[in-house]
Every structure is written in structure tokens, then in C-alpha cells.
N, C-alpha and C. Protein backbone atom coordinates (compact mmCIF):
# COMPACT_ATOMS: atom_id res chain seq x y z
N MET A 1 -44.93 36.79 59.24
CA MET A 1 -46.61 37.23 59.12
C MET A 1 -46.88 38.35 58.23
N LYS A 2 -45.74 39.29 58.18
CA LYS A 2 -45.90 40.83 57.77
C LYS A 2 -45.72 40.24 55.98
N ASN A 3 -44.87 39.19 55.85
CA ASN A 3 -44.96 38.60 54.30
C ASN A 3 -46.26 38.28 53.60
N VAL A 4 -47.00 37.43 54.30
CA VAL A 4 -48.40 37.00 54.28
C VAL A 4 -49.26 38.01 54.24
N GLU A 5 -49.07 39.12 55.13
CA GLU A 5 -50.28 40.05 54.92
C GLU A 5 -50.12 40.72 54.11
N LEU A 6 -48.88 41.29 53.34
CA LEU A 6 -48.48 42.29 52.12
C LEU A 6 -48.96 41.10 50.97
N ALA A 7 -49.08 39.79 50.81
CA ALA A 7 -49.32 38.91 50.03
C ALA A 7 -50.97 38.67 49.70
N VAL A 8 -51.39 38.61 51.10
CA VAL A 8 -52.99 38.67 50.91
C VAL A 8 -53.28 39.94 50.31
N GLY A 9 -52.93 41.17 50.85
CA GLY A 9 -53.36 42.40 50.67
C GLY A 9 -53.26 42.71 49.30
N ALA A 10 -52.36 42.20 48.82
CA ALA A 10 -51.95 42.09 47.30
C ALA A 10 -52.82 41.41 46.16
N GLY A 11 -53.09 40.31 46.98
CA GLY A 11 -54.14 39.74 46.22
C GLY A 11 -55.29 39.68 46.21
N LEU A 12 -55.65 40.98 47.16
CA LEU A 12 -57.55 41.07 47.63
C LEU A 12 -57.19 42.58 46.41
N ILE A 13 -56.50 42.90 46.06
CA ILE A 13 -56.43 44.32 45.66
C ILE A 13 -56.62 43.62 43.97
N VAL A 14 -55.64 42.69 43.69
CA VAL A 14 -55.75 42.17 42.39
C VAL A 14 -57.27 41.84 41.90
N LEU A 15 -57.87 41.04 43.32
CA LEU A 15 -59.58 40.37 42.98
C LEU A 15 -60.33 41.24 42.91
N GLY A 16 -60.27 42.60 43.54
CA GLY A 16 -60.93 43.76 43.44
C GLY A 16 -60.76 44.40 41.84
N LEU A 17 -59.77 44.40 41.74
CA LEU A 17 -59.56 44.95 39.83
C LEU A 17 -60.22 44.15 39.24
N ILE A 18 -59.97 42.50 39.43
CA ILE A 18 -60.63 41.79 38.27
C ILE A 18 -62.24 41.69 38.38
N CYS A 19 -62.92 41.89 39.61
CA CYS A 19 -64.08 42.20 39.53
C CYS A 19 -64.63 42.93 39.06
N CYS A 20 -63.91 44.56 39.48
CA CYS A 20 -64.09 45.74 38.79
C CYS A 20 -64.39 45.50 36.85
N GLY A 21 -63.50 44.78 36.65
CA GLY A 21 -63.54 44.74 34.92
C GLY A 21 -64.41 44.03 34.53
N THR A 22 -64.97 42.68 35.67
CA THR A 22 -65.93 41.87 35.10
C THR A 22 -67.51 42.64 35.09
N CYS A 23 -67.64 43.76 36.43
CA CYS A 23 -68.77 44.43 36.57
C CYS A 23 -68.51 45.57 35.38
N LEU A 24 -67.77 46.01 34.78
CA LEU A 24 -67.70 46.99 33.77
C LEU A 24 -68.01 46.12 32.46
N PHE A 25 -67.94 44.75 32.51
CA PHE A 25 -68.06 43.78 31.25
C PHE A 25 -69.36 43.83 31.34
N ARG A 26 -70.10 43.43 32.30
CA ARG A 26 -71.39 42.94 32.30
C ARG A 26 -72.48 44.06 32.00
N ALA A 27 -71.67 45.42 32.71
CA ALA A 27 -72.75 46.42 32.53
C ALA A 27 -72.47 47.11 30.60
N GLY A 28 -71.59 46.79 30.32
CA GLY A 28 -71.24 46.97 28.56
C GLY A 28 -72.52 45.96 28.34
N ARG A 29 -72.60 45.22 28.68
CA ARG A 29 -73.49 44.27 27.59
C ARG A 29 -75.48 44.18 28.21
N GLY A 30 -75.22 45.04 29.65
CA GLY A 30 -76.73 45.16 30.04
C GLY A 30 -77.01 44.17 30.83
N ALA A 31 -76.19 43.31 31.18
CA ALA A 31 -76.78 42.32 32.52
C ALA A 31 -76.55 42.87 33.73
N GLU A 32 -77.50 42.30 34.51
CA GLU A 32 -77.42 42.69 35.61
C GLU A 32 -76.22 42.19 36.65
N LEU A 33 -75.76 43.05 37.43
CA LEU A 33 -74.43 43.24 38.50
C LEU A 33 -74.59 41.87 39.55
N GLU A 34 -75.72 41.87 40.04
CA GLU A 34 -75.56 41.13 41.11
C GLU A 34 -75.18 41.02 42.01
N GLY A 35 -74.91 42.38 42.63
CA GLY A 35 -73.53 42.59 43.63
C GLY A 35 -72.43 42.47 43.72
N MET A 36 -71.86 42.27 42.29
CA MET A 36 -70.58 41.86 42.21
C MET A 36 -69.87 43.60 42.30
N GLN A 37 -70.31 44.62 42.29
CA GLN A 37 -69.79 45.42 42.65
C GLN A 37 -69.52 45.84 44.23
N TYR A 38 -70.17 45.37 44.79
CA TYR A 38 -69.75 45.45 46.47
C TYR A 38 -68.56 44.48 46.82
N VAL A 39 -68.66 43.38 46.00
CA VAL A 39 -67.28 42.07 46.43
C VAL A 39 -66.27 43.07 45.63
N ALA A 40 -66.38 43.47 44.86
CA ALA A 40 -64.89 44.65 44.14
C ALA A 40 -64.49 45.70 44.96
N VAL A 41 -65.24 46.70 45.86
CA VAL A 41 -65.13 47.59 46.63
C VAL A 41 -64.50 46.75 48.14
N SER A 42 -65.20 45.80 48.41
CA SER A 42 -64.94 45.50 49.79
C SER A 42 -63.73 44.49 49.20
N ASN A 43 -63.18 43.85 48.32
CA ASN A 43 -61.80 43.14 48.10
C ASN A 43 -60.77 44.00 47.87
N PHE A 44 -60.98 45.44 47.35
CA PHE A 44 -59.83 46.47 47.15
C PHE A 44 -59.45 47.11 48.10
N PHE A 45 -60.68 47.36 49.39
CA PHE A 45 -60.32 48.30 50.77
C PHE A 45 -59.93 47.47 51.58
N MET A 46 -60.32 46.07 51.71
CA MET A 46 -59.73 45.13 52.62
C MET A 46 -58.17 44.55 52.12
N GLY A 47 -57.92 44.71 50.88
CA GLY A 47 -56.38 44.44 50.47
C GLY A 47 -55.68 45.75 51.10
N LEU A 48 -56.26 47.16 50.66
CA LEU A 48 -55.50 48.35 50.97
C LEU A 48 -55.34 48.20 52.26
N PHE A 49 -56.18 47.97 53.44
CA PHE A 49 -56.20 47.84 54.88
C PHE A 49 -55.03 46.87 55.34
N LEU A 50 -55.02 45.74 54.61
CA LEU A 50 -54.27 44.90 55.07
C LEU A 50 -52.53 45.17 54.91
N ILE A 51 -52.74 45.58 53.24
CA ILE A 51 -51.22 46.53 53.24
C ILE A 51 -50.75 47.50 54.05
N THR A 52 -51.48 48.46 54.57
CA THR A 52 -50.89 49.51 55.17
C THR A 52 -50.93 49.00 56.63
N PHE A 53 -51.44 47.88 57.17
CA PHE A 53 -51.38 47.57 58.42
C PHE A 53 -50.25 46.61 58.27
N ALA A 54 -49.39 45.96 57.16
CA ALA A 54 -48.38 45.15 57.37
C ALA A 54 -47.07 46.15 57.13
N LEU A 55 -47.58 47.39 56.90
CA LEU A 55 -45.95 48.17 56.50
C LEU A 55 -45.72 48.64 57.94
N ASP A 56 -46.38 48.55 59.06
CA ASP A 56 -46.07 49.26 60.15
C ASP A 56 -45.89 50.67 60.15
N ARG A 57 -46.06 51.26 59.52
CA ARG A 57 -46.16 52.72 59.42
C ARG A 57 -46.99 53.70 60.58
N SER A 58 -46.46 54.29 61.29
CA SER A 58 -47.52 55.30 62.54
C SER A 58 -47.33 56.73 61.52
N GLY A 59 -48.50 57.49 62.02
CA GLY A 59 -48.84 58.67 61.42
C GLY A 59 -50.19 59.12 60.98
N GLY A 60 -50.75 60.33 61.17
CA GLY A 60 -51.62 60.67 60.79
C GLY A 60 -52.24 60.18 59.50
N VAL A 61 -51.52 60.17 58.32
CA VAL A 61 -51.95 59.64 57.10
C VAL A 61 -51.97 58.30 57.20
N THR A 62 -51.51 57.52 57.53
CA THR A 62 -51.21 56.10 57.62
C THR A 62 -52.85 55.79 58.32
N GLY A 63 -52.70 56.27 59.50
CA GLY A 63 -54.03 55.43 60.51
C GLY A 63 -55.22 56.35 59.62
N THR A 64 -55.31 57.33 58.95
CA THR A 64 -56.77 57.65 58.33
C THR A 64 -56.92 56.64 57.13
N VAL A 65 -55.72 56.35 56.49
CA VAL A 65 -55.94 55.31 55.13
C VAL A 65 -56.57 54.12 55.91
N MET A 66 -56.03 53.77 56.95
CA MET A 66 -56.13 52.31 57.61
C MET A 66 -57.68 52.39 58.26
N LEU A 67 -58.10 53.33 58.64
CA LEU A 67 -59.49 53.40 59.15
C LEU A 67 -60.44 53.59 58.06
N VAL A 68 -60.23 54.41 57.00
CA VAL A 68 -61.23 54.53 56.13
C VAL A 68 -61.18 53.38 54.98
N SER A 69 -60.11 52.59 54.71
CA SER A 69 -60.04 51.26 53.84
C SER A 69 -60.93 50.38 54.70
N MET A 70 -60.74 50.15 55.96
CA MET A 70 -61.34 49.27 57.10
C MET A 70 -62.74 49.36 56.95
N VAL A 71 -63.44 50.47 56.93
CA VAL A 71 -64.64 50.71 57.27
C VAL A 71 -65.32 51.11 55.85
N LEU A 72 -64.49 51.38 54.56
CA LEU A 72 -65.24 50.96 53.51
C LEU A 72 -65.38 49.78 52.93
N GLY A 73 -64.46 48.83 53.34
CA GLY A 73 -64.48 47.59 53.01
C GLY A 73 -65.09 46.45 53.51
N LEU A 74 -65.36 46.52 54.96
CA LEU A 74 -66.52 45.91 55.65
C LEU A 74 -67.63 46.71 55.76
N GLY A 75 -67.71 47.64 55.35
CA GLY A 75 -69.35 48.05 54.95
C GLY A 75 -69.83 47.80 53.78
N ALA A 76 -68.82 47.65 52.61
CA ALA A 76 -69.03 46.91 51.56
C ALA A 76 -69.32 45.37 51.65
N GLY A 77 -68.50 44.56 52.61
CA GLY A 77 -68.99 43.43 52.85
C GLY A 77 -70.33 42.96 53.17
N VAL A 78 -70.62 43.77 54.05
CA VAL A 78 -72.07 43.62 54.52
C VAL A 78 -72.90 44.14 53.59
N LEU A 79 -72.81 44.70 52.76
CA LEU A 79 -73.67 45.01 51.66
C LEU A 79 -73.75 43.83 50.74
N VAL A 80 -72.46 43.13 50.74
CA VAL A 80 -72.25 42.00 50.11
C VAL A 80 -73.34 40.61 50.59
N LEU A 81 -73.47 40.77 51.72
CA LEU A 81 -74.47 39.75 52.83
C LEU A 81 -75.34 40.03 52.66
N THR A 82 -76.05 41.44 52.64
CA THR A 82 -77.32 41.63 53.03
C THR A 82 -77.74 41.34 51.16
N ASN A 83 -77.24 41.59 49.99
CA ASN A 83 -77.50 41.47 49.10
C ASN A 83 -77.68 39.91 48.79
N THR A 84 -76.94 39.38 49.24
CA THR A 84 -76.87 37.72 48.90
C THR A 84 -77.96 37.24 49.47
N ILE A 85 -78.30 37.59 51.14
CA ILE A 85 -79.62 36.92 51.56
C ILE A 85 -80.70 37.33 51.12
N GLY A 86 -80.93 38.54 50.48
CA GLY A 86 -82.07 39.31 50.15
C GLY A 86 -82.45 38.36 48.66
N ARG A 87 -81.49 38.06 47.74
CA ARG A 87 -81.46 37.18 46.62
C ARG A 87 -81.86 35.75 46.92
N ALA A 88 -81.25 35.43 47.91
CA ALA A 88 -81.72 33.91 48.53
C ALA A 88 -83.24 33.64 48.81
N ARG A 89 -83.77 35.00 49.43
CA ARG A 89 -85.06 34.82 50.10
C ARG A 89 -86.04 35.11 48.56
N LYS A 90 -85.58 35.93 47.68
CA LYS A 90 -86.42 35.94 46.24
C LYS A 90 -86.95 34.84 45.76
N ASP A 91 -88.21 34.84 45.35
CA ASP A 91 -88.57 33.50 44.78
C ASP A 91 -88.21 33.38 43.17
N PRO A 92 -87.08 32.45 42.56
CA PRO A 92 -86.84 32.37 41.50
C PRO A 92 -88.02 32.25 40.26
N PHE A 93 -89.20 31.95 40.69
CA PHE A 93 -90.23 31.63 39.45
C PHE A 93 -90.83 33.27 39.88
N ASP A 94 -90.57 34.21 40.29
CA ASP A 94 -91.14 35.35 40.06
C ASP A 94 -91.14 35.86 38.61
């Protein structure tokens, strides 16, 4: 299970970096981000949480990194959901 958590965590970090690159590319073109910045933050920090969880280290720094990454990752995930729901409620013909 430890290897699966490490692989998923690394995959989420890579996906977060890809989303970050997409955000920078879209911002450079002047296009709207449509909440992709929240997806990038959520993926990166949840991947960091999974990696620190899988390493089984104990200590103040590791606990702090786990807690902060979990809070930031889940908080950004909530922003993704609220942004998606807000866009779904908006009339596309306005």
C-alpha cells in the first residue's frame, strides 16, 4: 500500500504542475482560467500529503507539512467544487 500511496502522490504532484503550466499558458494568452488554478493547487498539495503520509516519518516538521498540505489541498478542492457549481448555475446565454 505504501508504494501505491507514493505513486499516486507523485502522480498528483505531476498533474498539479501540468495544471500550473496550463494556467500560465492560458494567462499568457489572456484567456479565463475557469478555476484551473484551484485544481493545480489541490492536486499538488494532496500529492504532497500522500507522499508524506506514505513515508511513515514522525516528528514536528512532518506533522506540520502533512497538516498544512492536507488543509490547503482540501481547501482548494472545495474551491474547485464551488467554482464548478457556480459556473453550472450561470446562464450560458448571458
